[in-house]
């Protein structure tokens, strides 16, 4: 029941730069949202998808649309962010409808009350492409 796929789509993610030496880059990933987690895979034609990361929905604190005046250097121009475990995952959708679908569906999960605090604090939303 928890493995029921709610959404799946090819999106672009920005590297989370969990290490100081990791480069800032953008990767095409195949995202799958189930009732229990958000997972993303590397997908190459003719090959099996390789899991690159996953986030348990219970660990997601906030999901918000990102509004920025900065030029976005990838083909997908509709960003949203997922705050989890003190990390921000930036995801870029191909169009406004896709982004809205992902944000709405992710928010249907049990998000922490911290989300309302984040929305009112500009300091917690770093410049999208400052690096």
C-alpha atoms as a PDB file:
ATOM      1  CA  UNK A   1       0.000   0.000   0.000  1.00  0.00           C
ATOM      2  CA  UNK A   2       2.868   2.437   0.811  1.00  0.00           C
ATOM      3  CA  UNK A   3       4.522   1.611  -2.535  1.00  0.00           C
ATOM      4  CA  UNK A   4       1.549   2.934  -4.496  1.00  0.00           C
ATOM      5  CA  UNK A   5       2.927   5.476  -6.989  1.00  0.00           C
ATOM      6  CA  UNK A   6       1.270   8.881  -6.622  1.00  0.00           C
ATOM      7  CA  UNK A   7       3.432  10.761  -9.147  1.00  0.00           C
ATOM      8  CA  UNK A   8       6.341   9.988 -11.431  1.00  0.00           C
ATOM      9  CA  UNK A   9       8.102  12.269 -13.880  1.00  0.00           C
ATOM     10  CA  UNK A  10      11.454  13.299 -15.249  1.00  0.00           C
ATOM     11  CA  UNK A  11      12.580  16.450 -13.419  1.00  0.00           C
ATOM     12  CA  UNK A  12      15.887  18.246 -12.823  1.00  0.00           C
ATOM     13  CA  UNK A  13      17.499  18.479  -9.397  1.00  0.00           C
ATOM     14  CA  UNK A  14      20.227  20.770  -8.155  1.00  0.00           C
ATOM     15  CA  UNK A  15      23.053  19.109  -6.252  1.00  0.00           C
ATOM     16  CA  UNK A  16      22.525  19.387  -2.500  1.00  0.00           C
ATOM     17  CA  UNK A  17      26.242  19.948  -1.886  1.00  0.00           C
ATOM     18  CA  UNK A  18      26.318  17.939   1.320  1.00  0.00           C
ATOM     19  CA  UNK A  19      30.120  18.021   1.126  1.00  0.00           C
ATOM     20  CA  UNK A  20      32.119  21.231   0.831  1.00  0.00           C
ATOM     21  CA  UNK A  21      33.984  19.940  -2.216  1.00  0.00           C
ATOM     22  CA  UNK A  22      30.960  18.786  -4.195  1.00  0.00           C
ATOM     23  CA  UNK A  23      30.248  20.886  -7.288  1.00  0.00           C
ATOM     24  CA  UNK A  24      27.049  22.824  -7.856  1.00  0.00           C
ATOM     25  CA  UNK A  25      25.353  21.141 -10.793  1.00  0.00           C
ATOM     26  CA  UNK A  26      22.015  20.117 -12.235  1.00  0.00           C
ATOM     27  CA  UNK A  27      21.041  16.536 -13.078  1.00  0.00           C
ATOM     28  CA  UNK A  28      18.080  15.050 -14.899  1.00  0.00           C
ATOM     29  CA  UNK A  29      16.459  12.490 -12.616  1.00  0.00           C
ATOM     30  CA  UNK A  30      13.353  10.347 -12.759  1.00  0.00           C
ATOM     31  CA  UNK A  31      11.329  11.164  -9.628  1.00  0.00           C
ATOM     32  CA  UNK A  32       8.822   8.779  -8.055  1.00  0.00           C
ATOM     33  CA  UNK A  33       6.525   9.778  -5.207  1.00  0.00           C
ATOM     34  CA  UNK A  34       4.806   7.061  -3.189  1.00  0.00           C
ATOM     35  CA  UNK A  35       2.755   7.308  -0.008  1.00  0.00           C
ATOM     36  CA  UNK A  36       5.901   6.799   2.066  1.00  0.00           C
ATOM     37  CA  UNK A  37       8.829   8.367   0.176  1.00  0.00           C
ATOM     38  CA  UNK A  38      10.158  10.574  -2.579  1.00  0.00           C
ATOM     39  CA  UNK A  39      12.822   8.768  -4.613  1.00  0.00           C
ATOM     40  CA  UNK A  40      14.884   9.813  -7.597  1.00  0.00           C
ATOM     41  CA  UNK A  41      16.699   7.688 -10.114  1.00  0.00           C
ATOM     42  CA  UNK A  42      19.283   8.015 -12.827  1.00  0.00           C
ATOM     43  CA  UNK A  43      17.716   6.789 -16.053  1.00  0.00           C
ATOM     44  CA  UNK A  44      19.633   5.947 -19.196  1.00  0.00           C
ATOM     45  CA  UNK A  45      17.932   4.577 -22.282  1.00  0.00           C
ATOM     46  CA  UNK A  46      18.173   0.816 -22.481  1.00  0.00           C
ATOM     47  CA  UNK A  47      19.367   0.476 -18.878  1.00  0.00           C
ATOM     48  CA  UNK A  48      17.657  -0.189 -15.591  1.00  0.00           C
ATOM     49  CA  UNK A  49      16.995   2.867 -13.401  1.00  0.00           C
ATOM     50  CA  UNK A  50      19.555   3.383 -10.641  1.00  0.00           C
ATOM     51  CA  UNK A  51      18.342   4.764  -7.316  1.00  0.00           C
ATOM     52  CA  UNK A  52      20.329   7.926  -6.548  1.00  0.00           C
ATOM     53  CA  UNK A  53      18.456   9.091  -3.454  1.00  0.00           C
ATOM     54  CA  UNK A  54      15.269   8.908  -1.444  1.00  0.00           C
ATOM     55  CA  UNK A  55      13.586  10.842   1.333  1.00  0.00           C
ATOM     56  CA  UNK A  56      11.033   9.359   3.705  1.00  0.00           C
ATOM     57  CA  UNK A  57       7.968  11.626   3.650  1.00  0.00           C
ATOM     58  CA  UNK A  58       7.980  11.674   7.445  1.00  0.00           C
ATOM     59  CA  UNK A  59      11.350  13.502   7.278  1.00  0.00           C
ATOM     60  CA  UNK A  60      10.108  16.263   4.967  1.00  0.00           C
ATOM     61  CA  UNK A  61       9.559  19.451   6.938  1.00  0.00           C
ATOM     62  CA  UNK A  62       8.401  21.783   4.191  1.00  0.00           C
ATOM     63  CA  UNK A  63       7.678  21.991   0.446  1.00  0.00           C
ATOM     64  CA  UNK A  64       7.461  25.385  -1.226  1.00  0.00           C
ATOM     65  CA  UNK A  65       7.494  26.982  -4.662  1.00  0.00           C
ATOM     66  CA  UNK A  66      10.690  28.982  -5.201  1.00  0.00           C
ATOM     67  CA  UNK A  67      10.324  32.458  -6.617  1.00  0.00           C
ATOM     68  CA  UNK A  68      13.539  34.012  -7.821  1.00  0.00           C
ATOM     69  CA  UNK A  69      14.652  36.831 -10.075  1.00  0.00           C
ATOM     70  CA  UNK A  70      17.881  34.953 -10.820  1.00  0.00           C
ATOM     71  CA  UNK A  71      18.198  33.341 -14.259  1.00  0.00           C
ATOM     72  CA  UNK A  72      17.772  29.578 -14.000  1.00  0.00           C
ATOM     73  CA  UNK A  73      20.535  27.800 -15.956  1.00  0.00           C
ATOM     74  CA  UNK A  74      18.628  24.632 -16.837  1.00  0.00           C
ATOM     75  CA  UNK A  75      15.822  23.865 -19.300  1.00  0.00           C
ATOM     76  CA  UNK A  76      13.163  23.361 -16.633  1.00  0.00           C
ATOM     77  CA  UNK A  77      12.231  26.815 -15.310  1.00  0.00           C
ATOM     78  CA  UNK A  78       9.738  26.044 -12.519  1.00  0.00           C
ATOM     79  CA  UNK A  79      11.573  25.350  -9.234  1.00  0.00           C
ATOM     80  CA  UNK A  80      10.321  24.132  -5.891  1.00  0.00           C
ATOM     81  CA  UNK A  81      12.201  23.185  -2.744  1.00  0.00           C
ATOM     82  CA  UNK A  82      11.919  20.287  -0.330  1.00  0.00           C
ATOM     83  CA  UNK A  83      13.322  20.854   3.166  1.00  0.00           C
ATOM     84  CA  UNK A  84      14.363  17.630   4.878  1.00  0.00           C
ATOM     85  CA  UNK A  85      16.863  16.772   7.620  1.00  0.00           C
ATOM     86  CA  UNK A  86      18.443  20.272   7.486  1.00  0.00           C
ATOM     87  CA  UNK A  87      18.981  20.002   3.707  1.00  0.00           C
ATOM     88  CA  UNK A  88      17.235  21.761   0.853  1.00  0.00           C
ATOM     89  CA  UNK A  89      16.513  19.782  -2.294  1.00  0.00           C
ATOM     90  CA  UNK A  90      15.830  22.056  -5.274  1.00  0.00           C
ATOM     91  CA  UNK A  91      13.751  20.447  -8.003  1.00  0.00           C
ATOM     92  CA  UNK A  92      12.861  21.981 -11.374  1.00  0.00           C
ATOM     93  CA  UNK A  93       9.673  21.060 -13.215  1.00  0.00           C
ATOM     94  CA  UNK A  94       9.124  21.520 -16.962  1.00  0.00           C
ATOM     95  CA  UNK A  95       6.011  23.671 -16.530  1.00  0.00           C
ATOM     96  CA  UNK A  96       3.863  25.449 -13.960  1.00  0.00           C
ATOM     97  CA  UNK A  97       1.214  22.696 -13.873  1.00  0.00           C
ATOM     98  CA  UNK A  98       3.788  19.992 -13.179  1.00  0.00           C
ATOM     99  CA  UNK A  99       5.333  22.011 -10.353  1.00  0.00           C
ATOM    100  CA  UNK A 100       1.914  22.673  -8.829  1.00  0.00           C
ATOM    101  CA  UNK A 101       1.026  18.969  -8.997  1.00  0.00           C
ATOM    102  CA  UNK A 102       4.252  17.948  -7.196  1.00  0.00           C
ATOM    103  CA  UNK A 103       4.014  20.637  -4.511  1.00  0.00           C
ATOM    104  CA  UNK A 104       0.332  19.943  -3.848  1.00  0.00           C
ATOM    105  CA  UNK A 105       0.810  16.165  -3.652  1.00  0.00           C
ATOM    106  CA  UNK A 106       3.887  16.439  -1.421  1.00  0.00           C
ATOM    107  CA  UNK A 107       2.048  18.846   0.889  1.00  0.00           C
ATOM    108  CA  UNK A 108      -0.795  16.368   1.281  1.00  0.00           C
ATOM    109  CA  UNK A 109       1.631  14.299   3.388  1.00  0.00           C
ATOM    110  CA  UNK A 110       2.127  15.045   7.058  1.00  0.00           C
ATOM    111  CA  UNK A 111       4.465  18.042   6.987  1.00  0.00           C
ATOM    112  CA  UNK A 112       5.906  19.460  10.168  1.00  0.00           C
ATOM    113  CA  UNK A 113       4.548  22.760  11.573  1.00  0.00           C
ATOM    114  CA  UNK A 114       7.999  24.231  10.853  1.00  0.00           C
ATOM    115  CA  UNK A 115       6.778  24.869   7.276  1.00  0.00           C
ATOM    116  CA  UNK A 116       4.761  27.908   8.360  1.00  0.00           C
ATOM    117  CA  UNK A 117       7.793  29.334  10.157  1.00  0.00           C
ATOM    118  CA  UNK A 118       9.963  28.899   7.068  1.00  0.00           C
ATOM    119  CA  UNK A 119       7.511  30.693   4.793  1.00  0.00           C
ATOM    120  CA  UNK A 120       7.772  33.799   6.939  1.00  0.00           C
ATOM    121  CA  UNK A 121      11.573  33.768   7.169  1.00  0.00           C
ATOM    122  CA  UNK A 122      13.461  34.921   4.086  1.00  0.00           C
ATOM    123  CA  UNK A 123      16.799  33.956   5.652  1.00  0.00           C
ATOM    124  CA  UNK A 124      15.943  30.254   5.433  1.00  0.00           C
ATOM    125  CA  UNK A 125      15.498  30.411   1.670  1.00  0.00           C
ATOM    126  CA  UNK A 126      19.025  30.901   0.309  1.00  0.00           C
ATOM    127  CA  UNK A 127      19.744  32.415  -3.080  1.00  0.00           C
ATOM    128  CA  UNK A 128      18.927  29.663  -5.511  1.00  0.00           C
ATOM    129  CA  UNK A 129      22.067  29.816  -7.570  1.00  0.00           C
ATOM    130  CA  UNK A 130      24.479  31.705  -5.370  1.00  0.00           C
ATOM    131  CA  UNK A 131      27.227  29.173  -5.911  1.00  0.00           C
END
